[in-house]
């Protein structure tokens, strides 16, 4: 059973082979905000002949919610 104070989130992270576009910055932001990587699953890619190569992965994150007491966050 999952702890009710643990939140989970799924992201589809995309990135072109040259590192441009995509939403890797969103994943980085979540990790910097205290989310932890639980699992990843490759979803394949597209492009090549008639467009830029792009890859995608399903990323599952989780984070335990901070409890606050009198407006102060406990760790």
C-alpha atoms as a PDB file:
ATOM      1  CA  UNK A   1       0.000   0.000   0.000  1.00  0.00           C
ATOM      2  CA  UNK A   2       1.270   3.468  -0.879  1.00  0.00           C
ATOM      3  CA  UNK A   3       1.821   6.007   1.875  1.00  0.00           C
ATOM      4  CA  UNK A   4      -0.877   8.709   1.512  1.00  0.00           C
ATOM      5  CA  UNK A   5       1.779  11.417   1.878  1.00  0.00           C
ATOM      6  CA  UNK A   6       3.596  10.163  -1.242  1.00  0.00           C
ATOM      7  CA  UNK A   7       2.593  11.744  -4.539  1.00  0.00           C
ATOM      8  CA  UNK A   8       3.335  10.104  -7.877  1.00  0.00           C
ATOM      9  CA  UNK A   9       3.572  11.701 -11.277  1.00  0.00           C
ATOM     10  CA  UNK A  10       4.081  10.386 -14.806  1.00  0.00           C
ATOM     11  CA  UNK A  11       5.901  12.405 -17.465  1.00  0.00           C
ATOM     12  CA  UNK A  12       6.539  11.622 -21.104  1.00  0.00           C
ATOM     13  CA  UNK A  13      10.015  13.042 -21.666  1.00  0.00           C
ATOM     14  CA  UNK A  14      11.008  13.807 -25.249  1.00  0.00           C
ATOM     15  CA  UNK A  15      14.281  14.923 -26.758  1.00  0.00           C
ATOM     16  CA  UNK A  16      15.697  15.289 -30.240  1.00  0.00           C
ATOM     17  CA  UNK A  17      18.982  13.553 -31.011  1.00  0.00           C
ATOM     18  CA  UNK A  18      20.777  16.920 -31.207  1.00  0.00           C
ATOM     19  CA  UNK A  19      19.564  17.838 -27.703  1.00  0.00           C
ATOM     20  CA  UNK A  20      17.242  20.553 -28.963  1.00  0.00           C
ATOM     21  CA  UNK A  21      13.547  20.911 -28.166  1.00  0.00           C
ATOM     22  CA  UNK A  22      11.832  18.291 -26.067  1.00  0.00           C
ATOM     23  CA  UNK A  23      11.018  18.713 -22.387  1.00  0.00           C
ATOM     24  CA  UNK A  24      14.101  17.453 -20.566  1.00  0.00           C
ATOM     25  CA  UNK A  25      14.107  20.790 -18.702  1.00  0.00           C
ATOM     26  CA  UNK A  26      10.737  19.809 -17.143  1.00  0.00           C
ATOM     27  CA  UNK A  27      12.256  16.588 -15.810  1.00  0.00           C
ATOM     28  CA  UNK A  28      15.246  18.505 -14.447  1.00  0.00           C
ATOM     29  CA  UNK A  29      12.926  21.008 -12.729  1.00  0.00           C
ATOM     30  CA  UNK A  30      10.960  18.201 -11.050  1.00  0.00           C
ATOM     31  CA  UNK A  31      14.153  16.530  -9.827  1.00  0.00           C
ATOM     32  CA  UNK A  32      15.398  19.854  -8.440  1.00  0.00           C
ATOM     33  CA  UNK A  33      12.058  20.250  -6.620  1.00  0.00           C
ATOM     34  CA  UNK A  34      12.582  17.007  -4.701  1.00  0.00           C
ATOM     35  CA  UNK A  35      10.880  14.466  -6.982  1.00  0.00           C
ATOM     36  CA  UNK A  36      12.644  11.063  -7.156  1.00  0.00           C
ATOM     37  CA  UNK A  37      12.929   8.855 -10.210  1.00  0.00           C
ATOM     38  CA  UNK A  38      10.996   5.607  -9.670  1.00  0.00           C
ATOM     39  CA  UNK A  39      11.144   4.049 -13.144  1.00  0.00           C
ATOM     40  CA  UNK A  40      11.651   4.751 -16.824  1.00  0.00           C
ATOM     41  CA  UNK A  41      10.356   2.985 -19.907  1.00  0.00           C
ATOM     42  CA  UNK A  42      11.559   3.705 -23.429  1.00  0.00           C
ATOM     43  CA  UNK A  43       8.695   4.557 -25.775  1.00  0.00           C
ATOM     44  CA  UNK A  44      10.681   4.568 -29.021  1.00  0.00           C
ATOM     45  CA  UNK A  45      11.419   7.306 -31.483  1.00  0.00           C
ATOM     46  CA  UNK A  46      10.363   8.913 -34.721  1.00  0.00           C
ATOM     47  CA  UNK A  47      11.882  10.830 -37.586  1.00  0.00           C
ATOM     48  CA  UNK A  48      14.988  10.420 -39.609  1.00  0.00           C
ATOM     49  CA  UNK A  49      14.360  10.484 -43.329  1.00  0.00           C
ATOM     50  CA  UNK A  50      11.865  13.331 -43.451  1.00  0.00           C
ATOM     51  CA  UNK A  51      12.279  14.992 -40.058  1.00  0.00           C
ATOM     52  CA  UNK A  52      14.417  15.306 -36.954  1.00  0.00           C
ATOM     53  CA  UNK A  53      15.003  12.185 -34.884  1.00  0.00           C
ATOM     54  CA  UNK A  54      13.114  12.381 -31.600  1.00  0.00           C
ATOM     55  CA  UNK A  55      13.047   9.945 -28.686  1.00  0.00           C
ATOM     56  CA  UNK A  56      10.477   9.531 -25.910  1.00  0.00           C
ATOM     57  CA  UNK A  57      10.416   7.825 -22.504  1.00  0.00           C
ATOM     58  CA  UNK A  58       7.773   7.380 -19.835  1.00  0.00           C
ATOM     59  CA  UNK A  59       9.204   8.562 -16.505  1.00  0.00           C
ATOM     60  CA  UNK A  60       7.527   7.851 -13.153  1.00  0.00           C
ATOM     61  CA  UNK A  61       8.414  10.212 -10.301  1.00  0.00           C
ATOM     62  CA  UNK A  62       7.409  10.327  -6.651  1.00  0.00           C
ATOM     63  CA  UNK A  63       7.770  12.795  -3.811  1.00  0.00           C
ATOM     64  CA  UNK A  64       6.805  12.704  -0.171  1.00  0.00           C
ATOM     65  CA  UNK A  65       4.768  15.697   0.820  1.00  0.00           C
ATOM     66  CA  UNK A  66       6.312  17.968   3.431  1.00  0.00           C
ATOM     67  CA  UNK A  67       4.315  18.339   6.631  1.00  0.00           C
ATOM     68  CA  UNK A  68       3.931  21.865   7.885  1.00  0.00           C
ATOM     69  CA  UNK A  69       3.499  22.969  11.477  1.00  0.00           C
ATOM     70  CA  UNK A  70       2.622  26.591  12.100  1.00  0.00           C
ATOM     71  CA  UNK A  71       3.729  27.503   8.576  1.00  0.00           C
ATOM     72  CA  UNK A  72       7.159  25.898   8.980  1.00  0.00           C
ATOM     73  CA  UNK A  73       8.128  22.935   6.820  1.00  0.00           C
ATOM     74  CA  UNK A  74       9.579  19.926   8.633  1.00  0.00           C
ATOM     75  CA  UNK A  75      12.076  17.645   6.965  1.00  0.00           C
END
